[in-house]
Every structure is written in structure tokens, then in C-alpha cells.
């Protein structure tokens, strides 16, 4: 989505030349994947979500692959009730965490305190699960 691309652009801009690491975690709701679907289970779906964001960040050319990590939590860390459609929608998400090793980037620029450890959550509306 355009909103997701805007967030990725912001992340790559603040990460350019710094000593931070970026961890992208994929999450799903607890609805089982249908037999014969593209993904084997919710772990695979969450991993695909996280990997697609890592690949988008890496393709910017501003963040090296050694600073990126993708994780899958599947359905194991819900933030909302999976018994409602609204809750399941909240649980289908990506979390992006920027962790800075120091308060200055490699260019000597100060990293704002609100970015020294920053976490972003994106809900995934593109997939039904």
C-alpha cells in the first residue's frame, strides 16, 4: 500500500549510514491456513510478510542486508481478540523495530531520542489471513 511504502521510505531515510539494525516481525491471526493454500501454515504466512518488508527495505539500496532481520511469530503473539473480525484484523500485522547501537549515526549526526529504539506496527489488510 501507499501508506506502507511511505513508512518504508521513512525508515530507509533515518537508517541511511547509521549503525542501527532493523528487525521486521510478521504476525497472523489464529485462523488456520486452508489446505492447498500458498502458505503451509500461519508461521509461513507471517514469515512471508516479514520477508517482503525486509526485501522492500533492502531494495532501497540505503540499508545493507547485514542490518536486516525477518522474524515470524505466526499466531503466537496476538494483540487483540481473535474471536472477532476486528481483532483478527489487528493481529494480522508487521512490526518494524529500529535499534540503534549509539546516539549518533556513522556520519556523526545525532539520532533523535524518539528514534533510539523505535517500533512501528503495520496492519496487513492485503491478505485475508
Protein backbone atom coordinates (compact mmCIF):
# COMPACT_ATOMS: atom_id res chain seq x y z
CA UNK A 1 0.00 0.00 0.00
CA UNK A 2 1.00 3.63 -0.34
CA UNK A 3 0.98 4.02 3.46
CA UNK A 4 3.34 1.06 3.88
CA UNK A 5 5.70 2.39 1.19
CA UNK A 6 5.76 5.79 2.90
CA UNK A 7 6.76 4.15 6.20
CA UNK A 8 9.46 2.09 4.46
CA UNK A 9 10.78 5.27 2.85
CA UNK A 10 10.93 6.99 6.25
CA UNK A 11 12.77 4.02 7.74
CA UNK A 12 15.35 3.94 4.97
CA UNK A 13 15.88 7.70 5.26
CA UNK A 14 16.62 7.61 9.00
CA UNK A 15 18.67 4.41 8.63
CA UNK A 16 20.96 5.63 5.85
CA UNK A 17 24.56 5.42 7.07
CA UNK A 18 23.71 4.66 10.68
CA UNK A 19 24.71 1.75 12.88
CA UNK A 20 21.21 0.57 13.57
CA UNK A 21 19.66 -2.79 12.95
CA UNK A 22 16.14 -3.31 11.65
CA UNK A 23 14.03 -6.26 12.73
CA UNK A 24 10.76 -6.98 10.94
CA UNK A 25 8.35 -9.37 12.65
CA UNK A 26 5.35 -10.93 10.91
CA UNK A 27 2.16 -11.90 12.75
CA UNK A 28 -1.13 -13.55 11.82
CA UNK A 29 -4.50 -14.23 13.36
CA UNK A 30 -5.30 -17.75 14.59
CA UNK A 31 -7.37 -18.86 11.61
CA UNK A 32 -5.75 -21.99 10.12
CA UNK A 33 -4.48 -21.82 6.55
CA UNK A 34 -6.69 -23.72 4.10
CA UNK A 35 -5.33 -26.96 2.67
CA UNK A 36 -3.62 -26.34 -0.66
CA UNK A 37 -3.07 -22.63 0.03
CA UNK A 38 0.09 -20.79 -0.98
CA UNK A 39 1.39 -20.95 2.61
CA UNK A 40 1.71 -24.14 4.65
CA UNK A 41 0.62 -22.52 7.91
CA UNK A 42 0.48 -19.21 9.81
CA UNK A 43 4.22 -19.42 10.54
CA UNK A 44 4.95 -19.42 6.80
CA UNK A 45 2.48 -16.60 6.15
CA UNK A 46 4.00 -14.43 8.89
CA UNK A 47 7.50 -15.18 7.60
CA UNK A 48 6.45 -14.15 4.09
CA UNK A 49 5.03 -10.89 5.41
CA UNK A 50 8.22 -10.06 7.28
CA UNK A 51 10.45 -11.11 4.37
CA UNK A 52 8.56 -8.96 1.88
CA UNK A 53 9.13 -5.87 4.05
CA UNK A 54 12.82 -6.72 4.54
CA UNK A 55 13.18 -7.11 0.77
CA UNK A 56 11.47 -3.75 0.17
CA UNK A 57 13.81 -2.04 2.64
CA UNK A 58 16.86 -3.72 1.13
CA UNK A 59 15.81 -2.82 -2.42
CA UNK A 60 16.02 0.87 -1.49
CA UNK A 61 19.79 0.46 -1.60
CA UNK A 62 20.14 2.54 1.57
CA UNK A 63 20.17 -0.31 4.11
CA UNK A 64 22.55 -3.23 3.77
CA UNK A 65 21.26 -6.79 4.23
CA UNK A 66 23.57 -7.35 7.22
CA UNK A 67 21.49 -4.86 9.21
CA UNK A 68 18.13 -6.51 8.43
CA UNK A 69 16.37 -9.40 10.12
CA UNK A 70 12.99 -11.04 9.45
CA UNK A 71 11.13 -12.97 12.16
CA UNK A 72 7.93 -14.97 12.17
CA UNK A 73 5.69 -15.20 15.19
CA UNK A 74 2.70 -16.66 13.37
CA UNK A 75 -0.34 -16.54 15.61
CA UNK A 76 1.59 -16.72 18.92
CA UNK A 77 1.59 -13.02 19.90
CA UNK A 78 -1.89 -11.61 19.39
CA UNK A 79 -2.59 -8.02 20.41
CA UNK A 80 -6.35 -8.37 20.07
CA UNK A 81 -9.10 -10.93 20.50
CA UNK A 82 -9.14 -13.47 17.65
CA UNK A 83 -12.85 -14.22 18.19
CA UNK A 84 -13.89 -11.04 16.33
CA UNK A 85 -13.18 -9.93 12.78
CA UNK A 86 -11.78 -6.63 14.06
CA UNK A 87 -9.47 -8.44 16.47
CA UNK A 88 -8.22 -10.81 13.80
CA UNK A 89 -7.53 -7.85 11.52
CA UNK A 90 -5.41 -6.21 14.24
CA UNK A 91 -3.45 -9.43 14.72
CA UNK A 92 -2.54 -9.60 11.00
CA UNK A 93 0.36 -7.18 11.20
CA UNK A 94 4.01 -6.39 10.71
CA UNK A 95 6.16 -4.88 13.46
CA UNK A 96 9.29 -3.00 12.47
CA UNK A 97 11.85 -2.26 15.16
CA UNK A 98 14.85 0.03 14.69
CA UNK A 99 17.57 -0.46 17.27
CA UNK A 100 20.46 1.97 17.41
CA UNK A 101 23.83 1.00 18.81
CA UNK A 102 24.63 4.59 19.77
CA UNK A 103 23.03 8.00 19.81
CA UNK A 104 24.99 9.10 16.73
CA UNK A 105 24.96 7.67 13.25
CA UNK A 106 28.16 6.96 11.32
CA UNK A 107 28.08 10.41 9.77
CA UNK A 108 28.23 11.96 13.24
CA UNK A 109 24.63 13.14 13.09
CA UNK A 110 22.62 12.97 16.31
CA UNK A 111 19.85 10.41 16.33
CA UNK A 112 16.71 11.86 17.90
CA UNK A 113 15.87 10.18 21.23
CA UNK A 114 12.49 9.06 19.91
CA UNK A 115 14.35 7.02 17.27
CA UNK A 116 16.95 5.43 19.52
CA UNK A 117 14.71 2.38 19.84
CA UNK A 118 11.65 2.70 17.68
CA UNK A 119 8.88 0.25 16.90
CA UNK A 120 6.31 0.57 14.14
CA UNK A 121 3.26 -1.62 13.68
CA UNK A 122 1.60 -2.10 10.31
CA UNK A 123 -1.68 -3.91 9.93
CA UNK A 124 -1.82 -6.12 6.87
CA UNK A 125 -5.10 -5.62 5.03
CA UNK A 126 -3.93 -7.22 1.79
CA UNK A 127 -4.37 -10.83 2.90
CA UNK A 128 -7.45 -12.48 4.30
CA UNK A 129 -5.35 -14.28 6.92
